[in-house]
């Protein structure tokens, strides 16, 4: 037996939407994205379910971009709200979701940054909405869903929010655009800088004299991996090039004036940090950060040392 999202939940979601009309929102071009999820009766883990590609991509993007603040399955943390509650009780509909993705949000618990310049989120924001809607509707338990094959799940009793989608299909107007990163260019190298110091990861960066963009530099694989991991996992809070934001500090200042060395960096990665600007979560369970934490430190050190300007460095060997 598979469980199906009840009509009462769908109606409750529509009713709750009325609560949010006073909040800024985007008028979507079309219907809200529809999920397709099929779970055995009483399943307590998404691993037992079948999901369509859109919902899977939403789960994956959420895990990479959102989970570190909003918690596993959108269930919240000490510094970011439970998104199930926001969908079901605070009237967050598709238009409101799109607005917050574009403009960010200042709440009682903290500040959510705009994700307008995050290419992964922009590419997959419909998928993230579908995933969160499936979670909020009770159609999909927490956990990692299996990767779908090429055939969308259509078993009898599959949960879907297509009813809501059809009802909303009468809306129209403005849309949103996806961001795409431009390829970086390599250039003639100046003398190479290397920070090989006791135990700390060493960067290797070469930039033409006076260059203002990392695209003109050449970097080693470690530093490139650090830039890429920082961009995916850290930039949305700490800003491009680690220059800080209204709710997360400038890490170049922290490395240069705040006494943050490699040991302190590792401690914060493991245990998180409660500061005056905000709360940084522990990265102990973030697989990408754990794999690349030495690379992130090397990248940040190159930035803090003034050796590497802001921007996207070319991939080594390209």
Protein backbone atom coordinates (compact mmCIF):
# COMPACT_ATOMS: atom_id res chain seq x y z
CA UNK A 1 0.00 0.00 0.00
CA UNK A 2 1.18 3.49 -0.80
CA UNK A 3 -0.06 6.54 1.04
CA UNK A 4 -1.55 9.50 -0.79
CA UNK A 5 -1.54 13.17 0.18
CA UNK A 6 -5.07 13.92 1.38
CA UNK A 7 -7.28 16.56 -0.16
CA UNK A 8 -7.57 18.15 3.25
CA UNK A 9 -3.83 18.85 3.29
CA UNK A 10 -4.03 20.44 -0.14
CA UNK A 11 -6.97 22.60 0.96
CA UNK A 12 -5.15 23.53 4.15
CA UNK A 13 -2.18 24.66 2.07
CA UNK A 14 -4.41 26.81 -0.14
CA UNK A 15 -6.10 28.34 2.91
CA UNK A 16 -2.76 29.04 4.56
CA UNK A 17 -1.66 30.87 1.44
CA UNK A 18 -4.14 33.59 2.24
CA UNK A 19 -2.17 34.35 5.39
CA UNK A 20 0.86 35.33 3.33
CA UNK A 21 -0.72 37.71 0.85
CA UNK A 22 0.53 40.70 2.83
CA UNK A 23 4.15 39.54 2.44
CA UNK A 24 6.10 40.43 -0.71
CA UNK A 25 5.92 37.71 -3.34
CA UNK A 26 6.61 37.02 -7.00
CA UNK A 27 3.73 36.31 -9.37
CA UNK A 28 4.82 32.99 -10.92
CA UNK A 29 4.63 32.53 -14.69
CA UNK A 30 2.85 29.23 -14.31
CA UNK A 31 1.73 26.56 -11.91
CA UNK A 32 3.78 25.59 -8.84
CA UNK A 33 6.17 22.70 -9.51
CA UNK A 34 4.57 19.30 -8.89
CA UNK A 35 6.23 16.47 -6.98
CA UNK A 36 5.58 12.76 -7.50
CA UNK A 37 6.39 10.62 -4.47
CA UNK A 38 5.37 7.07 -3.62
CA UNK A 39 6.12 5.62 -0.18
CA UNK A 40 5.08 2.36 1.49
CA UNK A 41 2.46 2.85 4.17
CA UNK A 42 4.09 3.97 7.42
CA UNK A 43 7.54 4.56 5.86
CA UNK A 44 9.75 6.61 8.20
CA UNK A 45 12.66 7.12 5.81
CA UNK A 46 12.70 8.52 2.28
CA UNK A 47 15.03 5.72 1.29
CA UNK A 48 11.99 3.45 1.13
CA UNK A 49 10.16 5.74 -1.31
CA UNK A 50 10.20 6.36 -5.04
CA UNK A 51 10.50 9.95 -6.24
CA UNK A 52 10.58 11.67 -9.60
CA UNK A 53 13.70 13.43 -10.91
CA UNK A 54 12.46 16.89 -9.95
CA UNK A 55 11.93 15.94 -6.30
CA UNK A 56 15.26 14.11 -6.17
CA UNK A 57 17.08 17.13 -7.59
CA UNK A 58 15.30 19.28 -5.02
CA UNK A 59 16.45 17.04 -2.18
CA UNK A 60 20.02 17.08 -3.50
CA UNK A 61 20.12 20.86 -3.94
CA UNK A 62 18.54 21.42 -0.53
CA UNK A 63 21.13 19.13 1.09
CA UNK A 64 24.02 21.02 -0.52
CA UNK A 65 22.74 24.59 -0.23
CA UNK A 66 20.17 24.78 2.58
CA UNK A 67 20.54 21.94 5.08
CA UNK A 68 23.45 23.44 6.97
CA UNK A 69 21.09 26.17 8.21
CA UNK A 70 17.56 24.78 7.91
CA UNK A 71 18.40 21.29 9.13
CA UNK A 72 17.82 17.85 7.67
CA UNK A 73 14.53 17.57 5.83
CA UNK A 74 13.76 21.27 6.34
CA UNK A 75 13.06 20.70 10.04
CA UNK A 76 14.91 23.78 11.27
CA UNK A 77 17.80 24.50 13.62
CA UNK A 78 18.63 26.89 16.44
CA UNK A 79 19.20 29.69 13.91
CA UNK A 80 16.95 28.91 10.93
CA UNK A 81 13.23 28.03 11.00
CA UNK A 82 11.41 24.78 10.32
CA UNK A 83 10.31 25.11 6.71
CA UNK A 84 7.52 22.58 7.14
CA UNK A 85 5.92 24.97 9.63
CA UNK A 86 6.50 27.92 7.31
CA UNK A 87 4.74 26.13 4.46
CA UNK A 88 1.84 24.78 6.52
CA UNK A 89 1.21 27.49 9.11
CA UNK A 90 2.77 30.69 7.80
CA UNK A 91 1.31 30.53 4.30
CA UNK A 92 4.52 30.26 2.30
CA UNK A 93 3.35 29.51 -1.25
CA UNK A 94 5.30 29.31 -4.50
CA UNK A 95 5.26 33.08 -5.08
CA UNK A 96 6.53 33.82 -1.59
CA UNK A 97 9.19 31.09 -1.93
CA UNK A 98 10.47 32.64 -5.17
CA UNK A 99 10.59 36.09 -3.58
CA UNK A 100 12.69 34.91 -0.64
CA UNK A 101 15.05 33.00 -2.97
CA UNK A 102 15.55 36.21 -4.92
CA UNK A 103 15.70 38.80 -2.12
CA UNK A 104 16.55 36.91 1.08
CA UNK A 105 14.73 37.38 4.36
CA UNK A 106 15.26 39.14 7.69
CA UNK A 107 13.52 37.10 10.39
CA UNK A 108 13.48 36.83 14.16
CA UNK A 109 15.92 33.93 14.13
CA UNK A 110 18.43 35.40 11.71
CA UNK A 111 19.06 36.63 8.17
CA UNK A 112 18.71 34.46 5.08
CA UNK A 113 20.83 35.73 2.19
CA UNK A 114 19.55 36.25 -1.32
CA UNK A 115 20.30 33.25 -3.52
CA UNK A 116 19.83 35.20 -6.75
CA UNK A 117 23.49 34.73 -7.69
CA UNK A 118 23.76 31.10 -6.64
CA UNK A 119 23.73 29.19 -9.96
CA UNK A 120 22.85 25.81 -8.42
CA UNK A 121 19.86 27.25 -6.56
CA UNK A 122 18.71 29.26 -9.57
CA UNK A 123 18.87 26.17 -11.77
CA UNK A 124 17.02 23.99 -9.24
CA UNK A 125 14.71 26.34 -7.32
CA UNK A 126 11.60 24.68 -8.76
CA UNK A 127 13.00 21.34 -7.65
CA UNK A 128 13.70 22.64 -4.13
CA UNK A 129 10.13 23.90 -3.89
CA UNK A 130 8.75 20.54 -5.05
CA UNK A 131 10.88 18.71 -2.47
CA UNK A 132 9.88 21.02 0.39
CA UNK A 133 6.21 20.83 -0.63
CA UNK A 134 6.37 17.03 -0.57
CA UNK A 135 7.90 17.24 2.91
CA UNK A 136 5.39 19.82 4.14
CA UNK A 137 2.44 17.85 2.76
CA UNK A 138 3.56 14.76 4.67
CA UNK A 139 4.02 12.87 1.41
CA UNK A 140 7.73 12.24 1.94
CA UNK A 141 9.52 11.38 5.20
CA UNK A 142 12.95 12.72 6.06
CA UNK A 143 16.03 11.00 4.67
CA UNK A 144 17.81 10.41 1.39
CA UNK A 145 15.53 9.25 -1.42
CA UNK A 146 16.81 6.72 -3.95
CA UNK A 147 17.97 8.17 -7.24
CA UNK A 148 15.17 7.74 -9.77
CA UNK A 149 15.57 5.85 -13.02
CA UNK A 150 14.37 7.33 -16.28
CA UNK A 151 10.75 6.43 -15.53
CA UNK A 152 8.92 8.74 -13.09
CA UNK A 153 7.19 6.88 -10.24
CA UNK A 154 3.57 6.19 -11.13
CA UNK A 155 2.56 3.38 -8.73
CA UNK A 156 -1.03 3.22 -7.59
CA UNK A 157 -1.60 5.70 -4.78
CA UNK A 158 1.47 7.82 -5.53
CA UNK A 159 1.37 11.10 -3.64
CA UNK A 160 1.39 14.13 -5.90
CA UNK A 161 0.61 17.82 -5.62
CA UNK A 162 -0.69 18.05 -9.18
CA UNK A 163 -4.13 19.05 -7.81
CA UNK A 164 -2.60 22.19 -6.36
CA UNK A 165 -0.66 22.70 -9.59
CA UNK A 166 -3.79 22.53 -11.73
CA UNK A 167 -5.62 24.92 -9.43
CA UNK A 168 -2.79 27.43 -9.63
CA UNK A 169 -2.34 27.13 -13.39
CA UNK A 170 -4.47 30.24 -13.93
CA UNK A 171 -1.74 32.53 -12.60
CA UNK A 172 0.73 34.19 -14.96
CA UNK A 173 3.23 37.14 -15.43
CA UNK A 174 6.93 37.76 -14.78
CA UNK A 175 9.51 35.02 -14.58
CA UNK A 176 13.01 34.56 -13.26
CA UNK A 177 16.36 33.97 -14.92
CA UNK A 178 19.10 31.47 -14.21
CA UNK A 179 22.64 32.57 -13.46
CA UNK A 180 25.57 30.95 -15.27
CA UNK A 181 29.24 31.25 -14.39
CA UNK A 182 31.48 32.61 -17.15
CA UNK A 183 34.66 30.66 -17.93
CA UNK A 184 37.82 32.07 -16.43
CA UNK A 185 40.90 32.92 -18.50
CA UNK A 186 44.49 31.92 -17.83
CA UNK A 187 47.29 34.50 -18.16
CA UNK A 188 51.04 35.01 -17.99
CA UNK A 189 52.23 34.19 -14.49
CA UNK A 190 54.17 36.39 -12.11
CA UNK A 191 56.50 34.92 -9.45
CA UNK A 192 54.76 32.11 -7.60
CA UNK A 193 53.63 32.54 -4.00
CA UNK A 194 53.71 29.62 -1.58
CA UNK A 195 52.71 29.71 2.07
CA UNK A 196 54.24 26.43 3.21
CA UNK A 197 54.14 26.89 6.99
CA UNK A 198 54.25 24.28 9.71
CA UNK A 199 51.37 21.85 9.30
CA UNK A 200 48.96 24.22 7.58
CA UNK A 201 47.91 23.46 3.99
CA UNK A 202 50.05 25.28 1.44
CA UNK A 203 48.65 27.22 -1.50
CA UNK A 204 50.41 27.84 -4.80
CA UNK A 205 49.15 30.88 -6.71
CA UNK A 206 50.63 32.94 -9.55
CA UNK A 207 49.06 36.20 -10.69
CA UNK A 208 50.22 38.91 -13.12
CA UNK A 209 51.36 42.08 -11.38
CA UNK A 210 48.42 44.26 -10.39
CA UNK A 211 45.71 41.83 -11.46
CA UNK A 212 42.29 42.39 -9.86
CA UNK A 213 40.60 39.13 -10.87
CA UNK A 214 41.53 35.55 -10.02
CA UNK A 215 40.64 34.56 -13.57
CA UNK A 216 44.02 35.96 -14.64
CA UNK A 217 45.93 33.77 -12.17
CA UNK A 218 47.11 30.20 -12.17
CA UNK A 219 46.47 28.12 -9.06
CA UNK A 220 47.23 24.61 -7.87
CA UNK A 221 44.53 21.96 -7.54
CA UNK A 222 44.27 22.36 -3.77
CA UNK A 223 43.54 26.09 -3.98
CA UNK A 224 41.09 25.60 -6.83
CA UNK A 225 39.23 22.93 -4.87
CA UNK A 226 39.17 25.31 -1.91
CA UNK A 227 37.68 28.11 -4.02
CA UNK A 228 35.05 25.74 -5.44
CA UNK A 229 34.09 24.33 -2.04
CA UNK A 230 33.93 27.81 -0.51
CA UNK A 231 31.69 28.98 -3.36
CA UNK A 232 29.29 26.06 -2.88
CA UNK A 233 29.24 25.81 0.91
CA UNK A 234 30.33 29.15 2.39
CA UNK A 235 29.82 32.02 -0.04
CA UNK A 236 26.10 32.40 0.56
CA UNK A 237 26.88 33.56 4.10
CA UNK A 238 30.47 34.85 4.02
CA UNK A 239 30.18 36.63 0.67
CA UNK A 240 32.16 36.38 -2.56
CA UNK A 241 35.87 36.00 -1.91
CA UNK A 242 35.12 35.71 1.84
CA UNK A 243 34.62 39.47 2.11
CA UNK A 244 31.74 39.08 4.55
CA UNK A 245 28.07 40.06 4.62
CA UNK A 246 25.59 41.63 7.02
CA UNK A 247 25.30 38.35 8.92
CA UNK A 248 28.69 36.62 8.54
CA UNK A 249 32.15 38.16 9.03
CA UNK A 250 34.92 38.98 6.59
CA UNK A 251 37.17 35.94 6.84
CA UNK A 252 40.21 37.77 5.49
CA UNK A 253 40.04 40.06 8.50
CA UNK A 254 39.55 37.08 10.78
CA UNK A 255 42.65 35.36 9.41
CA UNK A 256 44.77 38.51 9.46
CA UNK A 257 43.55 40.34 12.58
CA UNK A 258 41.42 37.86 14.49
CA UNK A 259 44.13 35.32 15.14
CA UNK A 260 42.47 32.53 13.16
CA UNK A 261 45.18 29.98 12.36
CA UNK A 262 44.78 26.48 10.96
CA UNK A 263 44.04 24.92 14.35
CA UNK A 264 41.32 27.48 15.08
CA UNK A 265 39.90 27.04 11.58
CA UNK A 266 39.60 23.28 12.12
CA UNK A 267 37.96 23.80 15.50
CA UNK A 268 35.29 26.07 14.01
CA UNK A 269 34.70 23.65 11.14
CA UNK A 270 34.12 20.89 13.65
CA UNK A 271 32.18 22.70 16.37
CA UNK A 272 30.67 25.79 14.75
CA UNK A 273 30.83 29.26 16.25
CA UNK A 274 28.54 31.66 18.11
CA UNK A 275 29.60 35.21 17.29
CA UNK A 276 28.24 38.75 17.47
CA UNK A 277 27.25 38.70 13.80
CA UNK A 278 25.48 35.33 13.88
CA UNK A 279 25.78 31.59 14.41
CA UNK A 280 27.91 29.38 12.19
CA UNK A 281 26.83 25.73 12.22
CA UNK A 282 29.20 22.83 12.66
CA UNK A 283 30.43 21.38 9.37
CA UNK A 284 31.34 18.05 10.96
CA UNK A 285 28.66 16.19 9.00
CA UNK A 286 29.09 18.03 5.73
CA UNK A 287 30.85 15.52 3.51
CA UNK A 288 32.09 18.05 0.94
CA UNK A 289 33.56 20.36 3.59
CA UNK A 290 35.18 17.48 5.46
CA UNK A 291 36.79 16.24 2.26
CA UNK A 292 38.02 19.69 1.26
CA UNK A 293 38.60 21.59 4.52
CA UNK A 294 42.38 21.76 3.91
CA UNK A 295 41.67 23.14 0.45
CA UNK A 296 39.28 25.76 1.86
CA UNK A 297 41.92 26.91 4.34
CA UNK A 298 44.54 27.13 1.57
CA UNK A 299 42.17 29.24 -0.54
CA UNK A 300 41.28 31.54 2.35
CA UNK A 301 44.96 31.94 3.29
CA UNK A 302 45.82 32.89 -0.29
CA UNK A 303 43.05 35.50 -0.16
CA UNK A 304 44.04 36.78 3.29
CA UNK A 305 47.70 37.01 2.32
CA UNK A 306 46.77 39.23 -0.62
CA UNK A 307 48.23 36.75 -3.08
CA UNK A 308 44.95 35.91 -4.82
CA UNK A 309 42.32 38.50 -5.81
CA UNK A 310 38.60 37.83 -5.74
CA UNK A 311 36.98 35.96 -8.62
CA UNK A 312 36.90 32.55 -10.23
CA UNK A 313 40.33 31.03 -10.82
CA UNK A 314 40.91 28.91 -13.92
CA UNK A 315 40.84 25.17 -13.40
CA UNK A 316 44.41 23.82 -13.21
CA UNK A 317 45.53 22.36 -16.50
CA UNK A 318 42.83 24.15 -18.51
